[in-house]
Amino acid sequence: MNQVEADTMWFITGIRGVRSHVPRIRRAFRDPLTKKYVIIMDYIDGSDLVDIWPRVGPRRRNRIGQQVSWIVQQMQTIHARCPGPVGMHRCRTLMYKDYSVPACMDAYMWNEHINALINEVNRQMTTKPFKFLPLKFYNHVLTNMHLDPTSFVFDRNGHIWIMGWERGGFYPLECELGMLEYLIPRHSIFGIVTRTVAQHVPYEPAVLSACAAVAALVNNDLEQVDRLHEISRM
């Protein structure tokens, strides 16, 4: 845990519609002995998507996809002029080796960073018959930037909670969707979640494909690039 996660969750407590799906923080501090950052938040007694998925049928799975899609849409309504985490912190998402991310960015600097990573993808995939094109982003919305099956916890009443905000902040929506496409492929067992979000959130397939390829790069998993490139043809 880190201060980025705490600040993002504090920020969300003021957002109607989203705050009811994020555990409330009670206290956050750095332990003087271990020097580690500690977050005290409400305990959610429940199970994540990995645990409940084998026990639910198609109708419940479809409903879960609708719930996740609605939350992402609510997050999309919260904008910021500049990209980056909440507060004055260094970006903790889409980082790769020697490609440093400035502590305080504007849209131009973020575009430069993303395009440097796209160029790195193309450089490492020289045997492929396709290339990902440079991108330009101007809109930055509230994102989690690491939504995977363990991010969604369901309490005993069936209410959905989103965990893990240490990489969150304000980033282009396509970056959030690209990471989602990488972490929860639309043809995987959990794919109904990604497919439903994609149906209800506007995006450009080629842009999403490039962002998903960047997500694969930063996770050292470019073997997935063929699958991710197929998104641009949808």
C-alpha atoms as a PDB file:
ATOM      1  CA  MET A   1       0.000   0.000   0.000  1.00  0.00           C
ATOM      2  CA  ASN A   2       1.086   3.571  -0.636  1.00  0.00           C
ATOM      3  CA  GLN A   3      -0.089   7.146  -0.306  1.00  0.00           C
ATOM      4  CA  VAL A   4      -1.370   7.212  -3.891  1.00  0.00           C
ATOM      5  CA  GLU A   5      -3.891   4.522  -2.964  1.00  0.00           C
ATOM      6  CA  ALA A   6      -4.926   6.360   0.194  1.00  0.00           C
ATOM      7  CA  ASP A   7      -5.303   9.718  -1.570  1.00  0.00           C
ATOM      8  CA  THR A   8      -7.313   8.191  -4.406  1.00  0.00           C
ATOM      9  CA  MET A   9      -9.683   6.454  -1.998  1.00  0.00           C
ATOM     10  CA  TRP A  10     -10.035   9.642   0.069  1.00  0.00           C
ATOM     11  CA  PHE A  11     -10.897  11.511  -3.118  1.00  0.00           C
ATOM     12  CA  ILE A  12     -13.531   8.958  -4.095  1.00  0.00           C
ATOM     13  CA  THR A  13     -15.406   9.469  -0.806  1.00  0.00           C
ATOM     14  CA  GLY A  14     -16.655  12.732  -2.324  1.00  0.00           C
ATOM     15  CA  ILE A  15     -17.938  11.170  -5.538  1.00  0.00           C
ATOM     16  CA  ARG A  16     -21.569  10.130  -5.497  1.00  0.00           C
ATOM     17  CA  GLY A  17     -22.198   6.839  -7.256  1.00  0.00           C
ATOM     18  CA  VAL A  18     -18.596   5.614  -6.976  1.00  0.00           C
ATOM     19  CA  ARG A  19     -17.983   5.999  -3.233  1.00  0.00           C
ATOM     20  CA  SER A  20     -20.535   3.294  -2.397  1.00  0.00           C
ATOM     21  CA  HIS A  21     -18.314   0.780  -4.223  1.00  0.00           C
ATOM     22  CA  VAL A  22     -14.985   1.659  -2.583  1.00  0.00           C
ATOM     23  CA  PRO A  23     -14.179   0.828   1.084  1.00  0.00           C
ATOM     24  CA  ARG A  24     -14.091   3.892   3.310  1.00  0.00           C
ATOM     25  CA  ILE A  25     -10.691   4.869   4.685  1.00  0.00           C
ATOM     26  CA  ARG A  26     -10.530   5.545   8.415  1.00  0.00           C
ATOM     27  CA  ARG A  27      -6.863   6.403   8.780  1.00  0.00           C
ATOM     28  CA  ALA A  28      -3.643   6.409   6.760  1.00  0.00           C
ATOM     29  CA  PHE A  29      -0.116   6.860   8.113  1.00  0.00           C
ATOM     30  CA  ARG A  30       3.508   5.776   7.778  1.00  0.00           C
ATOM     31  CA  ASP A  31       4.594   3.370  10.497  1.00  0.00           C
ATOM     32  CA  PRO A  32       7.618   4.928  12.287  1.00  0.00           C
ATOM     33  CA  LEU A  33       9.184   1.515  12.935  1.00  0.00           C
ATOM     34  CA  THR A  34       8.764  -0.297   9.617  1.00  0.00           C
ATOM     35  CA  LYS A  35       8.604   2.896   7.473  1.00  0.00           C
ATOM     36  CA  LYS A  36       5.766   1.215   5.578  1.00  0.00           C
ATOM     37  CA  TYR A  37       2.575   3.022   4.651  1.00  0.00           C
ATOM     38  CA  VAL A  38      -0.506   1.740   6.487  1.00  0.00           C
ATOM     39  CA  ILE A  39      -4.131   2.211   5.446  1.00  0.00           C
ATOM     40  CA  ILE A  40      -6.937   1.411   7.860  1.00  0.00           C
ATOM     41  CA  MET A  41     -10.220   0.982   6.006  1.00  0.00           C
ATOM     42  CA  ASP A  42     -13.576  -0.720   6.390  1.00  0.00           C
ATOM     43  CA  TYR A  43     -13.376  -4.504   6.271  1.00  0.00           C
ATOM     44  CA  ILE A  44     -15.392  -6.109   3.489  1.00  0.00           C
ATOM     45  CA  ASP A  45     -16.480  -9.631   4.362  1.00  0.00           C
ATOM     46  CA  GLY A  46     -16.839 -11.254   0.971  1.00  0.00           C
ATOM     47  CA  SER A  47     -15.284 -13.096  -1.964  1.00  0.00           C
ATOM     48  CA  ASP A  48     -13.638 -11.904  -5.136  1.00  0.00           C
ATOM     49  CA  LEU A  49     -14.570 -12.784  -8.715  1.00  0.00           C
ATOM     50  CA  VAL A  50     -12.207 -15.757  -8.789  1.00  0.00           C
ATOM     51  CA  ASP A  51     -13.986 -17.356  -5.827  1.00  0.00           C
ATOM     52  CA  ILE A  52     -17.605 -16.766  -6.834  1.00  0.00           C
ATOM     53  CA  TRP A  53     -17.369 -17.287 -10.609  1.00  0.00           C
ATOM     54  CA  PRO A  54     -17.655 -21.124 -10.586  1.00  0.00           C
ATOM     55  CA  ARG A  55     -20.767 -20.866  -8.389  1.00  0.00           C
ATOM     56  CA  VAL A  56     -22.807 -18.398 -10.443  1.00  0.00           C
ATOM     57  CA  GLY A  57     -24.757 -18.932 -13.631  1.00  0.00           C
ATOM     58  CA  PRO A  58     -24.863 -16.963 -16.908  1.00  0.00           C
ATOM     59  CA  ARG A  59     -27.558 -14.528 -15.712  1.00  0.00           C
ATOM     60  CA  ARG A  60     -25.588 -13.552 -12.598  1.00  0.00           C
ATOM     61  CA  ARG A  61     -22.381 -13.252 -14.622  1.00  0.00           C
ATOM     62  CA  ASN A  62     -24.123 -10.949 -17.064  1.00  0.00           C
ATOM     63  CA  ARG A  63     -25.454  -8.869 -14.156  1.00  0.00           C
ATOM     64  CA  ILE A  64     -21.941  -8.583 -12.716  1.00  0.00           C
ATOM     65  CA  GLY A  65     -20.699  -7.328 -16.076  1.00  0.00           C
ATOM     66  CA  GLN A  66     -23.463  -4.722 -16.072  1.00  0.00           C
ATOM     67  CA  GLN A  67     -22.511  -3.610 -12.547  1.00  0.00           C
ATOM     68  CA  VAL A  68     -18.837  -3.181 -13.436  1.00  0.00           C
ATOM     69  CA  SER A  69     -19.758  -1.328 -16.608  1.00  0.00           C
ATOM     70  CA  TRP A  70     -21.982   1.085 -14.674  1.00  0.00           C
ATOM     71  CA  ILE A  71     -19.213   1.845 -12.158  1.00  0.00           C
ATOM     72  CA  VAL A  72     -16.684   2.505 -14.940  1.00  0.00           C
ATOM     73  CA  GLN A  73     -19.177   4.841 -16.593  1.00  0.00           C
ATOM     74  CA  GLN A  74     -19.602   6.754 -13.326  1.00  0.00           C
ATOM     75  CA  MET A  75     -15.829   7.067 -12.993  1.00  0.00           C
ATOM     76  CA  GLN A  76     -15.693   8.358 -16.550  1.00  0.00           C
ATOM     77  CA  THR A  77     -17.720  11.430 -15.555  1.00  0.00           C
ATOM     78  CA  ILE A  78     -14.928  12.682 -13.248  1.00  0.00           C
ATOM     79  CA  HIS A  79     -12.355  14.656 -15.253  1.00  0.00           C
ATOM     80  CA  ALA A  80      -9.011  16.330 -14.616  1.00  0.00           C
ATOM     81  CA  ARG A  81      -7.066  18.744 -16.783  1.00  0.00           C
ATOM     82  CA  CYS A  82      -3.751  16.907 -16.357  1.00  0.00           C
ATOM     83  CA  PRO A  83      -2.973  13.179 -16.139  1.00  0.00           C
ATOM     84  CA  GLY A  84      -1.483  11.496 -13.094  1.00  0.00           C
ATOM     85  CA  PRO A  85      -2.384  10.270  -9.615  1.00  0.00           C
ATOM     86  CA  VAL A  86      -4.458  12.215  -7.121  1.00  0.00           C
ATOM     87  CA  GLY A  87      -2.173  14.582  -5.220  1.00  0.00           C
ATOM     88  CA  MET A  88       1.437  15.468  -5.936  1.00  0.00           C
ATOM     89  CA  HIS A  89       2.769  11.961  -6.528  1.00  0.00           C
ATOM     90  CA  ARG A  90       4.714  10.236  -9.239  1.00  0.00           C
ATOM     91  CA  CYS A  91       2.742   8.096 -11.672  1.00  0.00           C
ATOM     92  CA  ARG A  92       2.727   4.415 -10.689  1.00  0.00           C
ATOM     93  CA  THR A  93       1.114   2.936 -13.778  1.00  0.00           C
ATOM     94  CA  LEU A  94       2.399   2.015 -17.250  1.00  0.00           C
ATOM     95  CA  MET A  95       6.020   2.232 -16.118  1.00  0.00           C
ATOM     96  CA  TYR A  96       8.636   0.310 -18.069  1.00  0.00           C
ATOM     97  CA  LYS A  97      12.336  -0.069 -17.345  1.00  0.00           C
ATOM     98  CA  ASP A  98      14.241   3.085 -18.320  1.00  0.00           C
ATOM     99  CA  TYR A  99      11.189   5.004 -19.515  1.00  0.00           C
ATOM    100  CA  SER A 100      10.765   7.385 -16.610  1.00  0.00           C
ATOM    101  CA  VAL A 101       7.476   9.141 -15.890  1.00  0.00           C
ATOM    102  CA  PRO A 102       7.623  12.790 -14.713  1.00  0.00           C
ATOM    103  CA  ALA A 103       6.234  13.529 -11.254  1.00  0.00           C
ATOM    104  CA  CYS A 104       3.929  16.240 -12.605  1.00  0.00           C
ATOM    105  CA  MET A 105       2.713  15.819 -16.168  1.00  0.00           C
ATOM    106  CA  ASP A 106       0.580  17.658 -18.650  1.00  0.00           C
ATOM    107  CA  ALA A 107      -1.258  16.037 -21.557  1.00  0.00           C
ATOM    108  CA  TYR A 108       1.684  16.605 -23.908  1.00  0.00           C
ATOM    109  CA  MET A 109       4.152  14.845 -21.594  1.00  0.00           C
ATOM    110  CA  TRP A 110       1.770  11.910 -21.077  1.00  0.00           C
ATOM    111  CA  ASN A 111       1.339  11.524 -24.837  1.00  0.00           C
ATOM    112  CA  GLU A 112       5.114  11.540 -25.235  1.00  0.00           C
ATOM    113  CA  HIS A 113       5.448   8.796 -22.622  1.00  0.00           C
ATOM    114  CA  ILE A 114       2.730   6.598 -24.125  1.00  0.00           C
ATOM    115  CA  ASN A 115       4.121   6.984 -27.631  1.00  0.00           C
ATOM    116  CA  ALA A 116       7.621   6.113 -26.428  1.00  0.00           C
ATOM    117  CA  LEU A 117       6.166   2.862 -25.059  1.00  0.00           C
ATOM    118  CA  ILE A 118       4.299   2.210 -28.320  1.00  0.00           C
ATOM    119  CA  ASN A 119       7.564   2.689 -30.212  1.00  0.00           C
ATOM    120  CA  GLU A 120       9.166   0.179 -27.838  1.00  0.00           C
ATOM    121  CA  VAL A 121       6.390  -2.321 -28.580  1.00  0.00           C
ATOM    122  CA  ASN A 122       6.958  -1.868 -32.309  1.00  0.00           C
ATOM    123  CA  ARG A 123      10.730  -2.166 -31.867  1.00  0.00           C
ATOM    124  CA  GLN A 124      10.429  -5.465 -30.006  1.00  0.00           C
ATOM    125  CA  MET A 125       7.876  -6.845 -32.458  1.00  0.00           C
ATOM    126  CA  THR A 126       9.844  -6.282 -35.679  1.00  0.00           C
ATOM    127  CA  THR A 127       8.772  -9.682 -37.064  1.00  0.00           C
ATOM    128  CA  LYS A 128       5.078  -8.739 -36.968  1.00  0.00           C
ATOM    129  CA  PRO A 129       3.353  -7.530 -40.165  1.00  0.00           C
ATOM    130  CA  PHE A 130       1.670  -4.643 -38.323  1.00  0.00           C
ATOM    131  CA  LYS A 131       2.615  -1.564 -36.329  1.00  0.00           C
ATOM    132  CA  PHE A 132       0.795   0.375 -33.634  1.00  0.00           C
ATOM    133  CA  LEU A 133       0.332   4.032 -34.514  1.00  0.00           C
ATOM    134  CA  PRO A 134       1.117   7.026 -32.232  1.00  0.00           C
ATOM    135  CA  LEU A 135      -1.695   8.281 -30.027  1.00  0.00           C
ATOM    136  CA  LYS A 136      -2.916  11.638 -28.756  1.00  0.00           C
ATOM    137  CA  PHE A 137      -5.017  11.976 -25.615  1.00  0.00           C
ATOM    138  CA  TYR A 138      -6.701  15.105 -24.322  1.00  0.00           C
ATOM    139  CA  ASN A 139      -9.247  13.777 -21.815  1.00  0.00           C
ATOM    140  CA  HIS A 140      -8.300  12.282 -18.453  1.00  0.00           C
ATOM    141  CA  VAL A 141     -10.867  10.540 -16.265  1.00  0.00           C
ATOM    142  CA  LEU A 142     -10.825   8.752 -12.923  1.00  0.00           C
ATOM    143  CA  THR A 143      -9.345   5.288 -13.409  1.00  0.00           C
ATOM    144  CA  ASN A 144      -8.205   2.319 -11.357  1.00  0.00           C
ATOM    145  CA  MET A 145      -5.632   1.139 -13.937  1.00  0.00           C
ATOM    146  CA  HIS A 146      -5.468  -2.429 -12.641  1.00  0.00           C
ATOM    147  CA  LEU A 147      -8.926  -3.985 -12.772  1.00  0.00           C
ATOM    148  CA  ASP A 148      -8.491  -7.751 -12.651  1.00  0.00           C
ATOM    149  CA  PRO A 149     -10.675 -10.570 -11.227  1.00  0.00           C
ATOM    150  CA  THR A 150      -9.307  -9.989  -7.717  1.00  0.00           C
ATOM    151  CA  SER A 151     -10.257  -6.293  -7.835  1.00  0.00           C
ATOM    152  CA  PHE A 152     -13.969  -7.039  -7.466  1.00  0.00           C
ATOM    153  CA  VAL A 153     -15.166  -8.221  -4.067  1.00  0.00           C
ATOM    154  CA  PHE A 154     -18.784  -9.150  -3.348  1.00  0.00           C
ATOM    155  CA  ASP A 155     -20.061  -8.899   0.206  1.00  0.00           C
ATOM    156  CA  ARG A 156     -22.724 -11.143   1.728  1.00  0.00           C
ATOM    157  CA  ASN A 157     -25.470  -8.920   0.309  1.00  0.00           C
ATOM    158  CA  GLY A 158     -24.091  -9.232  -3.206  1.00  0.00           C
ATOM    159  CA  HIS A 159     -22.835  -5.637  -3.258  1.00  0.00           C
ATOM    160  CA  ILE A 160     -19.725  -5.093  -5.388  1.00  0.00           C
ATOM    161  CA  TRP A 161     -16.617  -3.346  -4.040  1.00  0.00           C
ATOM    162  CA  ILE A 162     -13.520  -2.336  -5.997  1.00  0.00           C
ATOM    163  CA  MET A 163     -10.141  -2.873  -4.330  1.00  0.00           C
ATOM    164  CA  GLY A 164      -6.564  -1.969  -5.202  1.00  0.00           C
ATOM    165  CA  TRP A 165      -6.222   1.731  -6.047  1.00  0.00           C
ATOM    166  CA  GLU A 166      -2.433   2.039  -5.771  1.00  0.00           C
ATOM    167  CA  ARG A 167      -2.128   2.699  -9.524  1.00  0.00           C
ATOM    168  CA  GLY A 168      -5.243   4.831  -9.821  1.00  0.00           C
ATOM    169  CA  GLY A 169      -5.597   8.444 -10.828  1.00  0.00           C
ATOM    170  CA  PHE A 170      -6.609  10.463 -13.863  1.00  0.00           C
ATOM    171  CA  TYR A 171      -5.676   8.861 -17.160  1.00  0.00           C
ATOM    172  CA  PRO A 172      -7.227   8.433 -20.616  1.00  0.00           C
ATOM    173  CA  LEU A 173     -10.193   6.068 -20.582  1.00  0.00           C
ATOM    174  CA  GLU A 174      -8.587   3.960 -23.313  1.00  0.00           C
ATOM    175  CA  CYS A 175      -5.638   3.279 -20.991  1.00  0.00           C
ATOM    176  CA  GLU A 176      -8.024   1.873 -18.385  1.00  0.00           C
ATOM    177  CA  LEU A 177      -9.814  -0.224 -21.009  1.00  0.00           C
ATOM    178  CA  GLY A 178      -6.516  -1.383 -22.502  1.00  0.00           C
ATOM    179  CA  MET A 179      -5.326  -2.608 -19.114  1.00  0.00           C
ATOM    180  CA  LEU A 180      -8.714  -4.277 -18.565  1.00  0.00           C
ATOM    181  CA  GLU A 181      -8.457  -5.981 -21.960  1.00  0.00           C
ATOM    182  CA  TYR A 182      -5.013  -7.282 -21.050  1.00  0.00           C
ATOM    183  CA  LEU A 183      -5.874  -8.431 -17.510  1.00  0.00           C
ATOM    184  CA  ILE A 184      -9.353  -9.808 -18.324  1.00  0.00           C
ATOM    185  CA  PRO A 185      -9.304 -10.849 -22.007  1.00  0.00           C
ATOM    186  CA  ARG A 186     -12.767 -10.683 -23.544  1.00  0.00           C
ATOM    187  CA  HIS A 187     -12.529 -14.333 -24.620  1.00  0.00           C
ATOM    188  CA  SER A 188     -11.480 -15.573 -21.160  1.00  0.00           C
ATOM    189  CA  ILE A 189     -13.734 -17.157 -18.547  1.00  0.00           C
ATOM    190  CA  PHE A 190     -14.286 -13.692 -17.026  1.00  0.00           C
ATOM    191  CA  GLY A 191     -14.592 -12.060 -20.447  1.00  0.00           C
ATOM    192  CA  ILE A 192     -18.234 -11.031 -20.043  1.00  0.00           C
ATOM    193  CA  VAL A 193     -16.953  -8.237 -17.778  1.00  0.00           C
ATOM    194  CA  THR A 194     -14.667  -6.761 -20.438  1.00  0.00           C
ATOM    195  CA  ARG A 195     -17.174  -7.277 -23.254  1.00  0.00           C
ATOM    196  CA  THR A 196     -19.952  -5.547 -21.312  1.00  0.00           C
ATOM    197  CA  VAL A 197     -17.763  -2.572 -20.410  1.00  0.00           C
ATOM    198  CA  ALA A 198     -16.684  -2.262 -24.051  1.00  0.00           C
ATOM    199  CA  GLN A 199     -20.331  -2.228 -25.159  1.00  0.00           C
ATOM    200  CA  HIS A 200     -21.258   0.693 -22.930  1.00  0.00           C
ATOM    201  CA  VAL A 201     -18.134   2.880 -23.018  1.00  0.00           C
ATOM    202  CA  PRO A 202     -17.169   4.655 -26.272  1.00  0.00           C
ATOM    203  CA  TYR A 203     -13.667   3.985 -27.587  1.00  0.00           C
ATOM    204  CA  GLU A 204     -11.658   3.718 -30.796  1.00  0.00           C
ATOM    205  CA  PRO A 205     -10.654   0.064 -31.431  1.00  0.00           C
ATOM    206  CA  ALA A 206      -7.204   0.979 -32.796  1.00  0.00           C
ATOM    207  CA  VAL A 207      -6.500   3.199 -29.777  1.00  0.00           C
ATOM    208  CA  LEU A 208      -7.665   0.521 -27.336  1.00  0.00           C
ATOM    209  CA  SER A 209      -5.530  -2.064 -29.129  1.00  0.00           C
ATOM    210  CA  ALA A 210      -2.410   0.099 -28.802  1.00  0.00           C
ATOM    211  CA  CYS A 211      -3.086   0.781 -25.104  1.00  0.00           C
ATOM    212  CA  ALA A 212      -3.581  -2.936 -24.468  1.00  0.00           C
ATOM    213  CA  ALA A 213      -0.259  -3.653 -26.202  1.00  0.00           C
ATOM    214  CA  VAL A 214       1.434  -1.118 -23.898  1.00  0.00           C
ATOM    215  CA  ALA A 215      -0.154  -2.924 -20.933  1.00  0.00           C
ATOM    216  CA  ALA A 216       1.374  -6.174 -22.216  1.00  0.00           C
ATOM    217  CA  LEU A 217       4.757  -4.464 -22.616  1.00  0.00           C
ATOM    218  CA  VAL A 218       4.914  -3.132 -19.048  1.00  0.00           C
ATOM    219  CA  ASN A 219       3.960  -6.612 -17.804  1.00  0.00           C
ATOM    220  CA  ASN A 220       6.691  -8.210 -19.957  1.00  0.00           C
ATOM    221  CA  ASP A 221       4.096 -10.247 -21.842  1.00  0.00           C
ATOM    222  CA  LEU A 222       4.341  -9.233 -25.495  1.00  0.00           C
ATOM    223  CA  GLU A 223       3.389 -12.773 -26.510  1.00  0.00           C
ATOM    224  CA  GLN A 224      -0.178 -11.462 -26.183  1.00  0.00           C
ATOM    225  CA  VAL A 225       0.328  -8.764 -28.821  1.00  0.00           C
ATOM    226  CA  ASP A 226      -1.322 -10.711 -31.671  1.00  0.00           C
ATOM    227  CA  ARG A 227      -4.506 -11.167 -29.653  1.00  0.00           C
ATOM    228  CA  LEU A 228      -4.492  -7.526 -28.612  1.00  0.00           C
ATOM    229  CA  HIS A 229      -3.949  -6.310 -32.174  1.00  0.00           C
ATOM    230  CA  GLU A 230      -7.129  -8.121 -33.224  1.00  0.00           C
ATOM    231  CA  ILE A 231      -9.131  -5.571 -31.197  1.00  0.00           C
ATOM    232  CA  SER A 232      -8.325  -2.929 -33.807  1.00  0.00           C
ATOM    233  CA  ARG A 233     -10.279  -4.943 -36.376  1.00  0.00           C
ATOM    234  CA  MET A 234     -13.453  -5.168 -34.308  1.00  0.00           C
END
